[in-house]
């Protein structure tokens, strides 16, 4: 890891440090944060989600490829929804952000920032995608129980036991557990909170929306056509990165984060 990213595990545990310890560490963190390298410098694909503001539950998603060192749109922007309460800074590849809301478990906000992408998943045995794919079973759950040792992980109940998934509100086969719900018929893991810190937010995905324009509990949702195009386009060797920002934060960070200088336009 480069820049300030390598200091994240330390920063997350500062609550037990003395003031003198914090002051001693601050110059190191500040120096790392001012470096030019970004953890997504080698990314060849970018999924960019822009929302109007922190409290907006709607927005747009656009796909970009790095061509001759510059991000070029490869498709027009499509509508998406995010958390019913909007968005808040999450934990991912980006430097820690001190201003603006911070993502917490159950807050109804989608994590903002830059994130690696994990496995694709769905109800079918396979999918038209080069990403690693996990066919979900009735026994698969994502654990959103704060304090669980399996927090923020997708696990198989048959392997970890019934008690380990008790209280989870995220069965991955929602069609079997939630009256035929199709939202997880196709999806993709967004790697928010990769160290699985308790209370920092869990089970963040890109998935199908339940109905056009309907907000989520904290994920990014879209229609089936947009999801199919996204999954078919993604290439793991391109080290794709997912970035979600409110419009004002996008305007503030697009130069320093080396994001496209315009978004939402036709390719």
Protein backbone atom coordinates (compact mmCIF):
# COMPACT_ATOMS: atom_id res chain seq x y z
CA UNK A 1 0.00 0.00 0.00
CA UNK A 2 1.15 3.51 -0.74
CA UNK A 3 0.69 6.93 0.79
CA UNK A 4 -1.52 7.31 3.81
CA UNK A 5 -3.28 3.97 3.18
CA UNK A 6 -0.65 2.05 5.14
CA UNK A 7 -1.47 4.12 8.24
CA UNK A 8 -5.16 3.22 8.29
CA UNK A 9 -4.83 0.30 10.74
CA UNK A 10 -2.97 2.60 13.14
CA UNK A 11 -5.42 5.46 12.85
CA UNK A 12 -8.36 3.17 13.56
CA UNK A 13 -6.91 2.29 16.94
CA UNK A 14 -5.87 5.74 18.14
CA UNK A 15 -8.61 5.92 20.77
CA UNK A 16 -6.25 4.24 23.25
CA UNK A 17 -3.28 6.52 22.59
CA UNK A 18 -2.03 9.39 24.72
CA UNK A 19 -1.97 12.92 23.30
CA UNK A 20 1.82 12.82 23.11
CA UNK A 21 1.60 9.63 21.08
CA UNK A 22 -0.86 11.21 18.69
CA UNK A 23 1.32 14.27 18.23
CA UNK A 24 4.32 12.09 17.51
CA UNK A 25 2.42 10.13 14.84
CA UNK A 26 0.78 13.12 13.14
CA UNK A 27 3.81 14.27 11.10
CA UNK A 28 4.21 10.77 9.66
CA UNK A 29 0.55 10.58 8.62
CA UNK A 30 0.61 14.11 7.21
CA UNK A 31 3.74 13.38 5.19
CA UNK A 32 2.23 10.20 3.75
CA UNK A 33 -1.03 11.95 2.90
CA UNK A 34 0.76 14.58 0.81
CA UNK A 35 2.43 12.00 -1.45
CA UNK A 36 1.47 11.96 -5.13
CA UNK A 37 0.90 8.22 -5.41
CA UNK A 38 -2.64 6.90 -5.12
CA UNK A 39 -3.61 3.31 -4.32
CA UNK A 40 -5.60 3.20 -7.56
CA UNK A 41 -2.82 4.56 -9.80
CA UNK A 42 -2.62 1.19 -11.57
CA UNK A 43 -6.37 0.89 -12.10
CA UNK A 44 -7.41 0.59 -15.74
CA UNK A 45 -11.17 0.69 -15.10
CA UNK A 46 -13.21 3.13 -13.03
CA UNK A 47 -16.84 2.90 -11.92
CA UNK A 48 -17.81 6.45 -10.96
CA UNK A 49 -20.99 7.20 -9.01
CA UNK A 50 -21.98 10.83 -8.45
CA UNK A 51 -24.89 11.97 -6.25
CA UNK A 52 -26.25 15.52 -5.92
CA UNK A 53 -25.30 15.88 -2.21
CA UNK A 54 -24.71 13.94 1.01
CA UNK A 55 -28.42 13.38 1.64
CA UNK A 56 -29.43 12.41 -1.91
CA UNK A 57 -30.52 8.83 -2.54
CA UNK A 58 -30.29 9.10 -6.35
CA UNK A 59 -27.39 9.66 -8.73
CA UNK A 60 -25.62 8.39 -11.83
CA UNK A 61 -23.07 5.69 -12.61
CA UNK A 62 -20.61 5.90 -15.47
CA UNK A 63 -17.84 3.55 -16.63
CA UNK A 64 -14.37 4.78 -17.63
CA UNK A 65 -11.18 3.21 -18.96
CA UNK A 66 -7.69 4.63 -18.65
CA UNK A 67 -6.44 5.27 -22.19
CA UNK A 68 -3.04 6.89 -22.76
CA UNK A 69 -2.98 7.88 -19.11
CA UNK A 70 -6.39 9.60 -19.11
CA UNK A 71 -9.83 8.41 -18.07
CA UNK A 72 -12.14 8.06 -21.06
CA UNK A 73 -15.87 7.35 -20.77
CA UNK A 74 -16.85 4.07 -22.42
CA UNK A 75 -20.61 4.34 -21.87
CA UNK A 76 -23.19 6.97 -21.06
CA UNK A 77 -24.14 7.56 -17.44
CA UNK A 78 -27.04 5.48 -16.11
CA UNK A 79 -29.34 6.22 -13.15
CA UNK A 80 -28.71 4.52 -9.83
CA UNK A 81 -29.88 4.79 -6.25
CA UNK A 82 -27.86 4.70 -3.05
CA UNK A 83 -28.76 4.69 0.63
CA UNK A 84 -32.15 5.99 1.70
CA UNK A 85 -30.32 8.54 3.91
CA UNK A 86 -27.74 9.39 1.22
CA UNK A 87 -24.03 8.72 1.62
CA UNK A 88 -21.21 9.13 4.13
CA UNK A 89 -17.46 8.65 4.12
CA UNK A 90 -16.54 4.98 4.17
CA UNK A 91 -13.29 3.08 4.66
CA UNK A 92 -11.54 2.01 1.49
CA UNK A 93 -8.54 2.97 -0.66
CA UNK A 94 -8.83 6.72 -0.10
CA UNK A 95 -7.19 8.81 2.64
CA UNK A 96 -9.30 9.33 5.74
CA UNK A 97 -11.66 12.29 5.41
CA UNK A 98 -12.51 14.30 8.54
CA UNK A 99 -15.28 16.54 7.18
CA UNK A 100 -18.72 15.27 6.25
CA UNK A 101 -20.75 12.37 7.65
CA UNK A 102 -18.99 9.11 8.52
CA UNK A 103 -20.47 5.73 7.61
CA UNK A 104 -21.86 3.71 10.53
CA UNK A 105 -23.74 0.42 10.73
CA UNK A 106 -27.47 0.85 10.14
CA UNK A 107 -27.33 4.54 9.19
CA UNK A 108 -28.96 4.01 5.79
CA UNK A 109 -26.06 5.70 3.99
CA UNK A 110 -23.89 4.36 1.17
CA UNK A 111 -20.14 4.61 1.77
CA UNK A 112 -18.45 7.41 -0.16
CA UNK A 113 -14.84 7.21 -1.27
CA UNK A 114 -12.71 4.93 -3.44
CA UNK A 115 -13.00 1.16 -3.08
CA UNK A 116 -11.65 -2.03 -4.58
CA UNK A 117 -14.19 -4.45 -6.03
CA UNK A 118 -14.67 -7.99 -4.79
CA UNK A 119 -16.53 -11.00 -6.16
CA UNK A 120 -19.56 -10.89 -8.39
CA UNK A 121 -22.45 -12.96 -7.07
CA UNK A 122 -25.94 -14.05 -7.96
CA UNK A 123 -28.63 -16.67 -7.92
CA UNK A 124 -27.52 -18.42 -11.12
CA UNK A 125 -24.76 -20.99 -11.28
CA UNK A 126 -22.65 -18.73 -13.50
CA UNK A 127 -22.66 -15.22 -14.94
CA UNK A 128 -21.35 -13.37 -17.99
CA UNK A 129 -18.41 -11.76 -16.21
CA UNK A 130 -14.64 -12.15 -15.92
CA UNK A 131 -14.81 -11.23 -12.25
CA UNK A 132 -14.59 -14.06 -9.72
CA UNK A 133 -18.18 -15.26 -9.33
CA UNK A 134 -19.95 -16.82 -6.36
CA UNK A 135 -23.23 -18.64 -6.92
CA UNK A 136 -25.24 -18.02 -3.76
CA UNK A 137 -27.03 -20.79 -1.88
CA UNK A 138 -29.90 -20.68 0.59
CA UNK A 139 -27.33 -21.12 3.36
CA UNK A 140 -25.23 -18.05 2.41
CA UNK A 141 -25.48 -14.94 4.60
CA UNK A 142 -23.62 -11.64 4.87
CA UNK A 143 -23.15 -10.91 8.57
CA UNK A 144 -24.32 -7.42 9.54
CA UNK A 145 -24.47 -8.16 13.28
CA UNK A 146 -22.25 -5.60 15.01
CA UNK A 147 -19.87 -7.40 17.35
CA UNK A 148 -19.97 -10.71 15.50
CA UNK A 149 -16.52 -12.21 14.75
CA UNK A 150 -17.85 -12.76 11.21
CA UNK A 151 -18.98 -9.12 10.76
CA UNK A 152 -18.93 -7.89 7.14
CA UNK A 153 -18.23 -11.36 5.71
CA UNK A 154 -20.29 -13.60 3.46
CA UNK A 155 -20.42 -17.03 5.09
CA UNK A 156 -22.13 -20.37 4.58
CA UNK A 157 -24.42 -21.30 7.46
CA UNK A 158 -23.72 -24.96 6.79
CA UNK A 159 -20.04 -24.30 7.51
CA UNK A 160 -20.17 -21.78 10.39
CA UNK A 161 -23.32 -23.04 12.12
CA UNK A 162 -26.82 -21.68 12.72
CA UNK A 163 -25.79 -19.63 15.76
CA UNK A 164 -23.13 -17.76 13.77
CA UNK A 165 -25.70 -16.28 11.36
CA UNK A 166 -28.42 -15.61 13.95
CA UNK A 167 -29.65 -12.04 13.72
CA UNK A 168 -28.23 -11.34 10.26
CA UNK A 169 -30.61 -9.39 8.03
CA UNK A 170 -28.66 -10.23 4.86
CA UNK A 171 -29.49 -13.66 3.44
CA UNK A 172 -27.82 -13.72 0.04
CA UNK A 173 -30.66 -15.72 -1.55
CA UNK A 174 -33.33 -13.12 -0.93
CA UNK A 175 -35.59 -14.86 -3.41
CA UNK A 176 -35.78 -17.80 -0.99
CA UNK A 177 -35.80 -15.86 2.29
CA UNK A 178 -37.67 -12.66 1.40
CA UNK A 179 -40.72 -13.48 -0.71
CA UNK A 180 -38.99 -13.80 -4.06
CA UNK A 181 -36.89 -10.61 -3.76
CA UNK A 182 -34.69 -10.32 -6.88
CA UNK A 183 -32.28 -7.60 -5.71
CA UNK A 184 -29.36 -10.00 -5.24
CA UNK A 185 -30.04 -11.94 -8.44
CA UNK A 186 -26.98 -10.15 -9.81
CA UNK A 187 -24.50 -8.22 -7.72
CA UNK A 188 -20.96 -7.23 -6.92
CA UNK A 189 -19.14 -6.77 -3.62
CA UNK A 190 -17.86 -3.24 -2.93
CA UNK A 191 -14.93 -3.63 -0.54
CA UNK A 192 -15.93 -1.08 2.08
CA UNK A 193 -14.46 -1.62 5.55
CA UNK A 194 -11.99 -4.33 4.40
CA UNK A 195 -10.65 -4.81 7.95
CA UNK A 196 -14.22 -5.52 9.14
CA UNK A 197 -14.14 -2.90 11.91
CA UNK A 198 -17.13 -3.26 14.22
CA UNK A 199 -19.84 -0.67 13.64
CA UNK A 200 -18.20 0.87 10.55
CA UNK A 201 -20.71 -0.57 8.09
CA UNK A 202 -21.11 -3.96 6.44
CA UNK A 203 -22.37 -5.87 3.42
CA UNK A 204 -22.00 -3.12 0.81
CA UNK A 205 -22.85 -4.23 -2.72
CA UNK A 206 -23.81 -3.05 -6.16
CA UNK A 207 -27.05 -4.89 -6.93
CA UNK A 208 -30.36 -4.69 -8.77
CA UNK A 209 -32.93 -2.22 -7.53
CA UNK A 210 -36.23 -3.51 -6.23
CA UNK A 211 -38.12 -0.93 -8.28
CA UNK A 212 -36.93 1.96 -10.48
CA UNK A 213 -35.67 4.79 -8.29
CA UNK A 214 -36.11 2.92 -4.99
CA UNK A 215 -33.34 3.68 -2.49
CA UNK A 216 -31.33 1.06 -0.59
CA UNK A 217 -30.09 0.44 2.95
CA UNK A 218 -26.59 1.54 1.90
CA UNK A 219 -25.74 -0.19 -1.37
CA UNK A 220 -25.73 1.10 -4.97
CA UNK A 221 -28.67 -0.22 -7.01
CA UNK A 222 -29.48 -0.12 -10.71
CA UNK A 223 -31.61 -1.82 -13.34
CA UNK A 224 -30.76 -5.22 -14.81
CA UNK A 225 -29.46 -3.85 -18.12
CA UNK A 226 -26.97 -1.57 -16.36
CA UNK A 227 -25.83 -4.35 -14.03
CA UNK A 228 -25.34 -6.82 -16.88
CA UNK A 229 -23.29 -4.27 -18.82
CA UNK A 230 -21.18 -3.53 -15.73
CA UNK A 231 -20.44 -7.18 -14.97
CA UNK A 232 -19.63 -8.02 -18.60
CA UNK A 233 -17.23 -5.04 -18.84
CA UNK A 234 -15.24 -5.51 -15.64
CA UNK A 235 -11.83 -7.19 -15.95
CA UNK A 236 -9.99 -8.18 -12.76
CA UNK A 237 -6.58 -7.69 -14.39
CA UNK A 238 -7.52 -4.02 -14.90
CA UNK A 239 -7.72 -3.62 -11.11
CA UNK A 240 -11.07 -1.78 -11.31
CA UNK A 241 -11.87 0.86 -8.71
CA UNK A 242 -15.31 2.01 -7.53
CA UNK A 243 -15.63 5.69 -6.56
CA UNK A 244 -18.77 7.22 -5.03
CA UNK A 245 -18.87 10.95 -4.24
CA UNK A 246 -21.45 13.71 -3.80
CA UNK A 247 -21.11 16.36 -6.51
CA UNK A 248 -19.33 18.93 -4.32
CA UNK A 249 -16.78 16.36 -3.13
CA UNK A 250 -16.21 15.19 -6.69
CA UNK A 251 -15.50 18.79 -7.72
CA UNK A 252 -13.11 19.21 -4.76
CA UNK A 253 -11.24 15.93 -5.20
CA UNK A 254 -11.27 15.12 -8.90
CA UNK A 255 -7.88 16.69 -9.57
CA UNK A 256 -6.02 15.31 -6.55
CA UNK A 257 -7.66 11.90 -6.91
CA UNK A 258 -6.94 11.97 -10.69
CA UNK A 259 -10.58 11.37 -11.58
CA UNK A 260 -12.22 12.23 -14.91
CA UNK A 261 -12.54 15.97 -15.29
CA UNK A 262 -16.13 15.60 -16.46
CA UNK A 263 -18.73 12.95 -15.72
CA UNK A 264 -22.26 12.21 -16.84
CA UNK A 265 -21.62 13.02 -20.50
CA UNK A 266 -21.91 10.77 -23.53
CA UNK A 267 -18.70 8.80 -24.28
